């Protein structure tokens, strides 16, 4: 009788402390690393910053293309743009053009 009482008075509280510690650590871990945790917030902010930079770059590229298209859509094509595009497509340069050789991109 005394052994069972002493066993219950020692091991049941230890078991309950371990159980509550395990459940508490489970919730703390998920609060930090879970799908909506604190570390995920930092990762999302970094991803948003990267995508914002890419969006800015793509907007600039689109504006440049729209300006070039607007120049080509008039009733009369600008001779300078036509000459520039022809040289680019054919891979040629004019007599008075200055050629600067650079390394591969």
PDB file of N, CA and C in Angstrom:
ATOM      1  N   UNK A   1       0.812  -1.190   0.000  1.00  0.00           N
ATOM      2  CA  UNK A   1       0.000   0.000   0.000  1.00  0.00           C
ATOM      3  C   UNK A   1       0.857   1.256   0.000  1.00  0.00           C
ATOM      4  N   UNK A   2       1.828   1.263   0.858  1.00  0.00           N
ATOM      5  CA  UNK A   2       2.677   2.440   0.981  1.00  0.00           C
ATOM      6  C   UNK A   2       3.495   2.627  -0.289  1.00  0.00           C
ATOM      7  N   UNK A   3       3.910   1.549  -0.902  1.00  0.00           N
ATOM      8  CA  UNK A   3       4.703   1.630  -2.123  1.00  0.00           C
ATOM      9  C   UNK A   3       3.871   2.224  -3.251  1.00  0.00           C
ATOM     10  N   UNK A   4       2.627   1.786  -3.392  1.00  0.00           N
ATOM     11  CA  UNK A   4       1.762   2.330  -4.444  1.00  0.00           C
ATOM     12  C   UNK A   4       1.485   3.811  -4.222  1.00  0.00           C
ATOM     13  N   UNK A   5       1.254   4.213  -3.024  1.00  0.00           N
ATOM     14  CA  UNK A   5       0.974   5.609  -2.725  1.00  0.00           C
ATOM     15  C   UNK A   5       2.200   6.469  -3.020  1.00  0.00           C
ATOM     16  N   UNK A   6       3.357   5.997  -2.612  1.00  0.00           N
ATOM     17  CA  UNK A   6       4.590   6.743  -2.878  1.00  0.00           C
ATOM     18  C   UNK A   6       4.857   6.795  -4.386  1.00  0.00           C
ATOM     19  N   UNK A   7       4.611   5.688  -5.086  1.00  0.00           N
ATOM     20  CA  UNK A   7       4.788   5.647  -6.547  1.00  0.00           C
ATOM     21  C   UNK A   7       3.862   6.666  -7.227  1.00  0.00           C
ATOM     22  N   UNK A   8       2.615   6.679  -6.816  1.00  0.00           N
ATOM     23  CA  UNK A   8       1.654   7.625  -7.395  1.00  0.00           C
ATOM     24  C   UNK A   8       2.015   9.065  -7.058  1.00  0.00           C
ATOM     25  N   UNK A   9       2.467   9.323  -5.884  1.00  0.00           N
ATOM     26  CA  UNK A   9       2.774  10.692  -5.476  1.00  0.00           C
ATOM     27  C   UNK A   9       4.037  11.221  -6.153  1.00  0.00           C
ATOM     28  N   UNK A  10       4.894  10.338  -6.639  1.00  0.00           N
ATOM     29  CA  UNK A  10       6.127  10.785  -7.311  1.00  0.00           C
ATOM     30  C   UNK A  10       5.970  10.784  -8.831  1.00  0.00           C
ATOM     31  N   UNK A  11       5.510   9.702  -9.397  1.00  0.00           N
ATOM     32  CA  UNK A  11       5.529   9.551 -10.849  1.00  0.00           C
ATOM     33  C   UNK A  11       4.349  10.202 -11.563  1.00  0.00           C
ATOM     34  N   UNK A  12       3.231  10.317 -10.968  1.00  0.00           N
ATOM     35  CA  UNK A  12       2.090  10.983 -11.631  1.00  0.00           C
ATOM     36  C   UNK A  12       2.373  12.467 -11.833  1.00  0.00           C
ATOM     37  N   UNK A  13       2.868  13.218 -10.850  1.00  0.00           N
ATOM     38  CA  UNK A  13       3.215  14.624 -11.126  1.00  0.00           C
ATOM     39  C   UNK A  13       4.336  14.772 -12.153  1.00  0.00           C
ATOM     40  N   UNK A  14       5.326  13.871 -12.105  1.00  0.00           N
ATOM     41  CA  UNK A  14       6.399  13.929 -13.109  1.00  0.00           C
ATOM     42  C   UNK A  14       5.832  13.683 -14.499  1.00  0.00           C
ATOM     43  N   UNK A  15       4.951  12.716 -14.633  1.00  0.00           N
ATOM     44  CA  UNK A  15       4.318  12.430 -15.928  1.00  0.00           C
ATOM     45  C   UNK A  15       3.504  13.628 -16.403  1.00  0.00           C
ATOM     46  N   UNK A  16       2.773  14.258 -15.515  1.00  0.00           N
ATOM     47  CA  UNK A  16       1.968  15.423 -15.907  1.00  0.00           C
ATOM     48  C   UNK A  16       2.850  16.608 -16.304  1.00  0.00           C
ATOM     49  N   UNK A  17       3.967  16.830 -15.594  1.00  0.00           N
ATOM     50  CA  UNK A  17       4.892  17.887 -15.968  1.00  0.00           C
ATOM     51  C   UNK A  17       5.505  17.617 -17.339  1.00  0.00           C
ATOM     52  N   UNK A  18       5.880  16.386 -17.592  1.00  0.00           N
ATOM     53  CA  UNK A  18       6.445  16.037 -18.899  1.00  0.00           C
ATOM     54  C   UNK A  18       5.416  16.210 -20.013  1.00  0.00           C
ATOM     55  N   UNK A  19       4.197  15.805 -19.739  1.00  0.00           N
ATOM     56  CA  UNK A  19       3.133  15.944 -20.736  1.00  0.00           C
ATOM     57  C   UNK A  19       2.844  17.417 -21.030  1.00  0.00           C
ATOM     58  N   UNK A  20       2.755  18.232 -20.001  1.00  0.00           N
ATOM     59  CA  UNK A  20       2.491  19.661 -20.222  1.00  0.00           C
ATOM     60  C   UNK A  20       3.689  20.347 -20.883  1.00  0.00           C
ATOM     61  N   UNK A  21       4.905  19.932 -20.546  1.00  0.00           N
ATOM     62  CA  UNK A  21       6.095  20.489 -21.200  1.00  0.00           C
ATOM     63  C   UNK A  21       6.149  20.132 -22.674  1.00  0.00           C
ATOM     64  N   UNK A  22       5.794  18.889 -22.981  1.00  0.00           N
ATOM     65  CA  UNK A  22       5.798  18.461 -24.387  1.00  0.00           C
ATOM     66  C   UNK A  22       4.741  19.215 -25.192  1.00  0.00           C
ATOM     67  N   UNK A  23       3.550  19.354 -24.644  1.00  0.00           N
ATOM     68  CA  UNK A  23       2.507  20.071 -25.378  1.00  0.00           C
ATOM     69  C   UNK A  23       2.849  21.556 -25.497  1.00  0.00           C
ATOM     70  N   UNK A  24       3.430  22.134 -24.460  1.00  0.00           N
ATOM     71  CA  UNK A  24       3.841  23.539 -24.533  1.00  0.00           C
ATOM     72  C   UNK A  24       4.930  23.762 -25.567  1.00  0.00           C
ATOM     73  N   UNK A  25       5.917  22.870 -25.607  1.00  0.00           N
ATOM     74  CA  UNK A  25       6.988  23.011 -26.601  1.00  0.00           C
ATOM     75  C   UNK A  25       6.462  22.802 -28.019  1.00  0.00           C
ATOM     76  N   UNK A  26       5.475  21.944 -28.187  1.00  0.00           N
ATOM     77  CA  UNK A  26       4.853  21.745 -29.499  1.00  0.00           C
ATOM     78  C   UNK A  26       4.237  23.053 -29.990  1.00  0.00           C
ATOM     79  N   UNK A  27       3.477  23.726 -29.129  1.00  0.00           N
ATOM     80  CA  UNK A  27       2.822  24.965 -29.536  1.00  0.00           C
ATOM     81  C   UNK A  27       3.822  26.099 -29.742  1.00  0.00           C
ATOM     82  N   UNK A  28       4.869  26.153 -28.940  1.00  0.00           N
ATOM     83  CA  UNK A  28       5.894  27.187 -29.118  1.00  0.00           C
ATOM     84  C   UNK A  28       6.639  26.976 -30.435  1.00  0.00           C
ATOM     85  N   UNK A  29       6.974  25.727 -30.758  1.00  0.00           N
ATOM     86  CA  UNK A  29       7.679  25.452 -32.009  1.00  0.00           C
ATOM     87  C   UNK A  29       6.827  25.884 -33.207  1.00  0.00           C
ATOM     88  N   UNK A  30       5.536  25.563 -33.175  1.00  0.00           N
ATOM     89  CA  UNK A  30       4.668  25.940 -34.289  1.00  0.00           C
ATOM     90  C   UNK A  30       4.406  27.436 -34.325  1.00  0.00           C
ATOM     91  N   UNK A  31       4.458  28.107 -33.184  1.00  0.00           N
ATOM     92  CA  UNK A  31       4.312  29.561 -33.187  1.00  0.00           C
ATOM     93  C   UNK A  31       5.511  30.228 -33.852  1.00  0.00           C
ATOM     94  N   UNK A  32       6.670  29.613 -33.790  1.00  0.00           N
ATOM     95  CA  UNK A  32       7.862  30.176 -34.419  1.00  0.00           C
ATOM     96  C   UNK A  32       8.038  29.699 -35.852  1.00  0.00           C
ATOM     97  N   UNK A  33       7.880  28.416 -36.112  1.00  0.00           N
ATOM     98  CA  UNK A  33       8.231  27.833 -37.406  1.00  0.00           C
ATOM     99  C   UNK A  33       7.044  27.348 -38.215  1.00  0.00           C
ATOM    100  N   UNK A  34       5.863  27.523 -37.744  1.00  0.00           N
ATOM    101  CA  UNK A  34       4.695  26.993 -38.436  1.00  0.00           C
ATOM    102  C   UNK A  34       4.354  27.783 -39.691  1.00  0.00           C
ATOM    103  N   UNK A  35       3.223  27.450 -40.276  1.00  0.00           N
ATOM    104  CA  UNK A  35       2.787  28.079 -41.520  1.00  0.00           C
ATOM    105  C   UNK A  35       2.555  29.582 -41.355  1.00  0.00           C
ATOM    106  N   UNK A  36       2.116  30.007 -40.194  1.00  0.00           N
ATOM    107  CA  UNK A  36       1.895  31.423 -39.925  1.00  0.00           C
ATOM    108  C   UNK A  36       2.771  31.914 -38.779  1.00  0.00           C
ATOM    109  N   UNK A  37       3.943  31.327 -38.625  1.00  0.00           N
ATOM    110  CA  UNK A  37       4.831  31.653 -37.518  1.00  0.00           C
ATOM    111  C   UNK A  37       5.646  32.911 -37.770  1.00  0.00           C
ATOM    112  N   UNK A  38       6.465  33.246 -36.782  1.00  0.00           N
ATOM    113  CA  UNK A  38       7.274  34.459 -36.859  1.00  0.00           C
ATOM    114  C   UNK A  38       8.367  34.353 -37.915  1.00  0.00           C
ATOM    115  N   UNK A  39       8.992  33.202 -38.059  1.00  0.00           N
ATOM    116  CA  UNK A  39      10.033  33.042 -39.073  1.00  0.00           C
ATOM    117  C   UNK A  39       9.450  33.097 -40.486  1.00  0.00           C
ATOM    118  N   UNK A  40       8.243  32.646 -40.654  1.00  0.00           N
ATOM    119  CA  UNK A  40       7.594  32.686 -41.963  1.00  0.00           C
ATOM    120  C   UNK A  40       7.315  34.120 -42.379  1.00  0.00           C
ATOM    121  N   UNK A  41       7.006  34.967 -41.425  1.00  0.00           N
ATOM    122  CA  UNK A  41       6.756  36.377 -41.718  1.00  0.00           C
ATOM    123  C   UNK A  41       8.002  37.030 -42.328  1.00  0.00           C
ATOM    124  N   UNK A  42       9.161  36.724 -41.790  1.00  0.00           N
ATOM    125  CA  UNK A  42      10.409  37.265 -42.320  1.00  0.00           C
ATOM    126  C   UNK A  42      10.659  36.745 -43.733  1.00  0.00           C
ATOM    127  N   UNK A  43      10.394  35.467 -43.957  1.00  0.00           N
ATOM    128  CA  UNK A  43      10.593  34.885 -45.295  1.00  0.00           C
ATOM    129  C   UNK A  43       9.635  35.507 -46.308  1.00  0.00           C
ATOM    130  N   UNK A  44       8.395  35.738 -45.900  1.00  0.00           N
ATOM    131  CA  UNK A  44       7.446  36.374 -46.807  1.00  0.00           C
ATOM    132  C   UNK A  44       7.858  37.804 -47.142  1.00  0.00           C
ATOM    133  N   UNK A  45       8.371  38.541 -46.167  1.00  0.00           N
ATOM    134  CA  UNK A  45       8.819  39.909 -46.440  1.00  0.00           C
ATOM    135  C   UNK A  45       9.975  39.916 -47.429  1.00  0.00           C
ATOM    136  N   UNK A  46      10.912  38.982 -47.286  1.00  0.00           N
ATOM    137  CA  UNK A  46      12.033  38.897 -48.227  1.00  0.00           C
ATOM    138  C   UNK A  46      11.539  38.546 -49.624  1.00  0.00           C
ATOM    139  N   UNK A  47      10.576  37.638 -49.698  1.00  0.00           N
ATOM    140  CA  UNK A  47      10.023  37.260 -51.000  1.00  0.00           C
ATOM    141  C   UNK A  47       9.279  38.434 -51.634  1.00  0.00           C
ATOM    142  N   UNK A  48       8.543  39.197 -50.825  1.00  0.00           N
ATOM    143  CA  UNK A  48       7.823  40.369 -51.332  1.00  0.00           C
ATOM    144  C   UNK A  48       8.802  41.406 -51.862  1.00  0.00           C
ATOM    145  N   UNK A  49       9.921  41.633 -51.153  1.00  0.00           N
ATOM    146  CA  UNK A  49      10.924  42.594 -51.615  1.00  0.00           C
ATOM    147  C   UNK A  49      11.526  42.165 -52.951  1.00  0.00           C
ATOM    148  N   UNK A  50      11.827  40.882 -53.086  1.00  0.00           N
ATOM    149  CA  UNK A  50      12.381  40.382 -54.347  1.00  0.00           C
ATOM    150  C   UNK A  50      11.400  40.511 -55.505  1.00  0.00           C
ATOM    151  N   UNK A  51      10.149  40.180 -55.240  1.00  0.00           N
ATOM    152  CA  UNK A  51       9.137  40.285 -56.295  1.00  0.00           C
ATOM    153  C   UNK A  51       8.845  41.742 -56.650  1.00  0.00           C
ATOM    154  N   UNK A  52       8.931  42.644 -55.681  1.00  0.00           N
ATOM    155  CA  UNK A  52       8.734  44.072 -55.966  1.00  0.00           C
ATOM    156  C   UNK A  52       9.846  44.604 -56.863  1.00  0.00           C
ATOM    157  N   UNK A  53      11.075  44.178 -56.595  1.00  0.00           N
ATOM    158  CA  UNK A  53      12.196  44.602 -57.439  1.00  0.00           C
ATOM    159  C   UNK A  53      12.031  44.063 -58.858  1.00  0.00           C
ATOM    160  N   UNK A  54      11.620  42.822 -58.975  1.00  0.00           N
ATOM    161  CA  UNK A  54      11.400  42.246 -60.304  1.00  0.00           C
ATOM    162  C   UNK A  54      10.250  42.953 -61.025  1.00  0.00           C
ATOM    163  N   UNK A  55       9.212  43.308 -60.288  1.00  0.00           N
ATOM    164  CA  UNK A  55       8.087  44.024 -60.878  1.00  0.00           C
ATOM    165  C   UNK A  55       8.531  45.387 -61.401  1.00  0.00           C
ATOM    166  N   UNK A  56       9.347  46.096 -60.642  1.00  0.00           N
ATOM    167  CA  UNK A  56       9.848  47.404 -61.086  1.00  0.00           C
ATOM    168  C   UNK A  56      10.664  47.263 -62.364  1.00  0.00           C
ATOM    169  N   UNK A  57      11.494  46.226 -62.413  1.00  0.00           N
ATOM    170  CA  UNK A  57      12.309  46.000 -63.613  1.00  0.00           C
ATOM    171  C   UNK A  57      11.428  45.692 -64.821  1.00  0.00           C
ATOM    172  N   UNK A  58      10.405  44.873 -64.621  1.00  0.00           N
ATOM    173  CA  UNK A  58       9.527  44.520 -65.734  1.00  0.00           C
ATOM    174  C   UNK A  58       8.694  45.706 -66.194  1.00  0.00           C
ATOM    175  N   UNK A  59       8.297  46.580 -65.273  1.00  0.00           N
ATOM    176  CA  UNK A  59       7.555  47.784 -65.659  1.00  0.00           C
ATOM    177  C   UNK A  59       8.440  48.681 -66.522  1.00  0.00           C
ATOM    178  N   UNK A  60       9.727  48.818 -66.154  1.00  0.00           N
ATOM    179  CA  UNK A  60      10.645  49.632 -66.948  1.00  0.00           C
ATOM    180  C   UNK A  60      10.839  49.041 -68.347  1.00  0.00           C
ATOM    181  N   UNK A  61      10.962  47.719 -68.431  1.00  0.00           N
ATOM    182  CA  UNK A  61      11.110  47.064 -69.738  1.00  0.00           C
ATOM    183  C   UNK A  61       9.859  47.277 -70.583  1.00  0.00           C
ATOM    184  N   UNK A  62       8.701  47.158 -69.955  1.00  0.00           N
ATOM    185  CA  UNK A  62       7.453  47.342 -70.694  1.00  0.00           C
ATOM    186  C   UNK A  62       7.319  48.778 -71.201  1.00  0.00           C
ATOM    187  N   UNK A  63       7.670  49.755 -70.386  1.00  0.00           N
ATOM    188  CA  UNK A  63       7.584  51.149 -70.814  1.00  0.00           C
ATOM    189  C   UNK A  63       8.531  51.412 -71.978  1.00  0.00           C
ATOM    190  N   UNK A  64       9.745  50.836 -71.909  1.00  0.00           N
ATOM    191  CA  UNK A  64      10.691  51.007 -73.010  1.00  0.00           C
ATOM    192  C   UNK A  64      10.136  50.405 -74.302  1.00  0.00           C
ATOM    193  N   UNK A  65       9.541  49.210 -74.196  1.00  0.00           N
ATOM    194  CA  UNK A  65       8.962  48.574 -75.386  1.00  0.00           C
ATOM    195  C   UNK A  65       7.778  49.371 -75.922  1.00  0.00           C
ATOM    196  N   UNK A  66       6.947  49.890 -75.028  1.00  0.00           N
ATOM    197  CA  UNK A  66       5.797  50.681 -75.472  1.00  0.00           C
ATOM    198  C   UNK A  66       6.240  51.956 -76.192  1.00  0.00           C
ATOM    199  N   UNK A  67       7.322  52.586 -75.714  1.00  0.00           N
ATOM    200  CA  UNK A  67       7.835  53.776 -76.407  1.00  0.00           C
ATOM    201  C   UNK A  67       8.324  53.420 -77.803  1.00  0.00           C
ATOM    202  N   UNK A  68       9.034  52.302 -77.902  1.00  0.00           N
ATOM    203  CA  UNK A  68       9.542  51.895 -79.224  1.00  0.00           C
ATOM    204  C   UNK A  68       8.400  51.526 -80.167  1.00  0.00           C
ATOM    205  N   UNK A  69       7.386  50.863 -79.645  1.00  0.00           N
ATOM    206  CA  UNK A  69       6.239  50.498 -80.476  1.00  0.00           C
ATOM    207  C   UNK A  69       5.478  51.737 -80.911  1.00  0.00           C
ATOM    208  N   UNK A  70       5.351  52.702 -80.005  1.00  0.00           N
ATOM    209  CA  UNK A  70       4.656  53.942 -80.350  1.00  0.00           C
ATOM    210  C   UNK A  70       5.377  54.674 -81.473  1.00  0.00           C
ATOM    211  N   UNK A  71       6.705  54.594 -81.493  1.00  0.00           N
ATOM    212  CA  UNK A  71       7.451  55.236 -82.578  1.00  0.00           C
ATOM    213  C   UNK A  71       7.232  54.522 -83.903  1.00  0.00           C
ATOM    214  N   UNK A  72       6.995  53.228 -83.865  1.00  0.00           N
ATOM    215  CA  UNK A  72       6.803  52.467 -85.102  1.00  0.00           C
ATOM    216  C   UNK A  72       5.364  52.500 -85.606  1.00  0.00           C
ATOM    217  N   UNK A  73       4.404  52.912 -84.758  1.00  0.00           N
ATOM    218  CA  UNK A  73       3.004  52.843 -85.140  1.00  0.00           C
ATOM    219  C   UNK A  73       2.494  54.088 -85.863  1.00  0.00           C
ATOM    220  N   UNK A  74       3.310  55.071 -86.065  1.00  0.00           N
ATOM    221  CA  UNK A  74       2.852  56.260 -86.774  1.00  0.00           C
ATOM    222  C   UNK A  74       2.681  55.939 -88.253  1.00  0.00           C
ATOM    223  N   UNK A  75       2.091  56.868 -88.992  1.00  0.00           N
ATOM    224  CA  UNK A  75       1.869  56.650 -90.424  1.00  0.00           C
ATOM    225  C   UNK A  75       3.188  56.528 -91.182  1.00  0.00           C
ATOM    226  N   UNK A  76       4.185  57.259 -90.729  1.00  0.00           N
ATOM    227  CA  UNK A  76       5.483  57.213 -91.382  1.00  0.00           C
ATOM    228  C   UNK A  76       6.515  56.716 -90.376  1.00  0.00           C
ATOM    229  N   UNK A  77       7.296  55.708 -90.757  1.00  0.00           N
ATOM    230  CA  UNK A  77       8.292  55.121 -89.867  1.00  0.00           C
ATOM    231  C   UNK A  77       9.494  56.057 -89.787  1.00  0.00           C
ATOM    232  N   UNK A  78       9.996  56.262 -88.587  1.00  0.00           N
ATOM    233  CA  UNK A  78      11.171  57.095 -88.385  1.00  0.00           C
ATOM    234  C   UNK A  78      12.373  56.395 -89.015  1.00  0.00           C
ATOM    235  N   UNK A  79      13.120  57.123 -89.823  1.00  0.00           N
ATOM    236  CA  UNK A  79      14.237  56.514 -90.562  1.00  0.00           C
ATOM    237  C   UNK A  79      15.348  56.059 -89.628  1.00  0.00           C
ATOM    238  N   UNK A  80      15.574  56.798 -88.559  1.00  0.00           N
ATOM    239  CA  UNK A  80      16.638  56.407 -87.623  1.00  0.00           C
ATOM    240  C   UNK A  80      16.311  55.076 -86.944  1.00  0.00           C
ATOM    241  N   UNK A  81      15.068  54.920 -86.549  1.00  0.00           N
ATOM    242  CA  UNK A  81      14.677  53.669 -85.890  1.00  0.00           C
ATOM    243  C   UNK A  81      14.735  52.518 -86.885  1.00  0.00           C
ATOM    244  N   UNK A  82      14.290  52.751 -88.108  1.00  0.00           N
ATOM    245  CA  UNK A  82      14.334  51.709 -89.131  1.00  0.00           C
ATOM    246  C   UNK A  82      15.773  51.291 -89.410  1.00  0.00           C
ATOM    247  N   UNK A  83      16.675  52.260 -89.508  1.00  0.00           N
ATOM    248  CA  UNK A  83      18.078  51.961 -89.756  1.00  0.00           C
ATOM    249  C   UNK A  83      18.694  51.194 -88.573  1.00  0.00           C
ATOM    250  N   UNK A  84      18.363  51.618 -87.368  1.00  0.00           N
ATOM    251  CA  UNK A  84      18.889  50.941 -86.178  1.00  0.00           C
ATOM    252  C   UNK A  84      18.412  49.496 -86.113  1.00  0.00           C
ATOM    253  N   UNK A  85      17.140  49.256 -86.363  1.00  0.00           N
ATOM    254  CA  UNK A  85      16.600  47.893 -86.326  1.00  0.00           C
ATOM    255  C   UNK A  85      17.190  47.030 -87.441  1.00  0.00           C
ATOM    256  N   UNK A  86      17.373  47.619 -88.634  1.00  0.00           N
ATOM    257  CA  UNK A  86      17.950  46.867 -89.748  1.00  0.00           C
ATOM    258  C   UNK A  86      19.385  46.446 -89.430  1.00  0.00           C
ATOM    259  N   UNK A  87      20.164  47.369 -88.854  1.00  0.00           N
ATOM    260  CA  UNK A  87      21.535  47.029 -88.487  1.00  0.00           C
ATOM    261  C   UNK A  87      21.567  45.951 -87.407  1.00  0.00           C
ATOM    262  N   UNK A  88      20.637  46.032 -86.460  1.00  0.00           N
ATOM    263  CA  UNK A  88      20.587  45.044 -85.390  1.00  0.00           C
ATOM    264  C   UNK A  88      20.230  43.664 -85.928  1.00  0.00           C
ATOM    265  N   UNK A  89      19.257  43.614 -86.829  1.00  0.00           N
ATOM    266  CA  UNK A  89      18.828  42.326 -87.377  1.00  0.00           C
ATOM    267  C   UNK A  89      19.892  41.734 -88.293  1.00  0.00           C
ATOM    268  N   UNK A  90      20.506  42.569 -89.123  1.00  0.00           N
ATOM    269  CA  UNK A  90      21.495  42.078 -90.079  1.00  0.00           C
ATOM    270  C   UNK A  90      22.875  41.889 -89.465  1.00  0.00           C
ATOM    271  N   UNK A  91      23.111  42.504 -88.308  1.00  0.00           N
ATOM    272  CA  UNK A  91      24.417  42.383 -87.675  1.00  0.00           C
ATOM    273  C   UNK A  91      25.477  43.208 -88.376  1.00  0.00           C
ATOM    274  N   UNK A  92      25.094  44.315 -88.979  1.00  0.00           N
ATOM    275  CA  UNK A  92      26.023  45.173 -89.715  1.00  0.00           C
ATOM    276  C   UNK A  92      26.177  46.509 -89.008  1.00  0.00           C
ATOM    277  N   UNK A  93      27.229  47.253 -89.410  1.00  0.00           N
ATOM    278  CA  UNK A  93      27.415  48.609 -88.908  1.00  0.00           C
ATOM    279  C   UNK A  93      27.689  49.524 -90.090  1.00  0.00           C
ATOM    280  N   UNK A  94      27.454  50.816 -89.862  1.00  0.00           N
ATOM    281  CA  UNK A  94      27.702  51.796 -90.918  1.00  0.00           C
ATOM    282  C   UNK A  94      29.157  52.225 -90.959  1.00  0.00           C
ATOM    283  N   UNK A  95      29.533  52.998 -92.032  1.00  0.00           N
ATOM    284  CA  UNK A  95      30.917  53.451 -92.191  1.00  0.00           C
ATOM    285  C   UNK A  95      31.311  54.416 -91.070  1.00  0.00           C
ATOM    286  N   UNK A  96      30.387  55.255 -90.662  1.00  0.00           N
ATOM    287  CA  UNK A  96      30.717  56.280 -89.667  1.00  0.00           C
ATOM    288  C   UNK A  96      30.393  55.839 -88.228  1.00  0.00           C
ATOM    289  N   UNK A  97      29.955  54.602 -88.063  1.00  0.00           N
ATOM    290  CA  UNK A  97      29.624  54.117 -86.709  1.00  0.00           C
ATOM    291  C   UNK A  97      30.888  53.707 -85.972  1.00  0.00           C
ATOM    292  N   UNK A  98      30.889  53.910 -84.675  1.00  0.00           N
ATOM    293  CA  UNK A  98      31.993  53.523 -83.821  1.00  0.00           C
ATOM    294  C   UNK A  98      31.656  52.204 -83.163  1.00  0.00           C
ATOM    295  N   UNK A  99      32.509  51.219 -83.306  1.00  0.00           N
ATOM    296  CA  UNK A  99      32.282  49.886 -82.774  1.00  0.00           C
ATOM    297  C   UNK A  99      33.172  49.673 -81.544  1.00  0.00           C
ATOM    298  N   UNK A 100      32.570  49.315 -80.420  1.00  0.00           N
ATOM    299  CA  UNK A 100      33.306  49.038 -79.205  1.00  0.00           C
ATOM    300  C   UNK A 100      33.082  47.571 -78.857  1.00  0.00           C
ATOM    301  N   UNK A 101      34.161  46.816 -78.853  1.00  0.00           N
ATOM    302  CA  UNK A 101      34.077  45.386 -78.571  1.00  0.00           C
ATOM    303  C   UNK A 101      34.100  45.187 -77.056  1.00  0.00           C
ATOM    304  N   UNK A 102      33.144  44.428 -76.545  1.00  0.00           N
ATOM    305  CA  UNK A 102      33.105  44.087 -75.123  1.00  0.00           C
ATOM    306  C   UNK A 102      33.107  42.578 -74.999  1.00  0.00           C
ATOM    307  N   UNK A 103      33.333  42.113 -73.788  1.00  0.00           N
ATOM    308  CA  UNK A 103      33.334  40.680 -73.546  1.00  0.00           C
ATOM    309  C   UNK A 103      31.905  40.139 -73.562  1.00  0.00           C
ATOM    310  N   UNK A 104      31.786  38.818 -73.473  1.00  0.00           N
ATOM    311  CA  UNK A 104      30.440  38.238 -73.466  1.00  0.00           C
ATOM    312  C   UNK A 104      29.685  38.642 -72.197  1.00  0.00           C
ATOM    313  N   UNK A 105      28.379  38.800 -72.335  1.00  0.00           N
ATOM    314  CA  UNK A 105      27.549  39.238 -71.209  1.00  0.00           C
ATOM    315  C   UNK A 105      27.348  38.124 -70.219  1.00  0.00           C
TER     316      UNK A 105
END
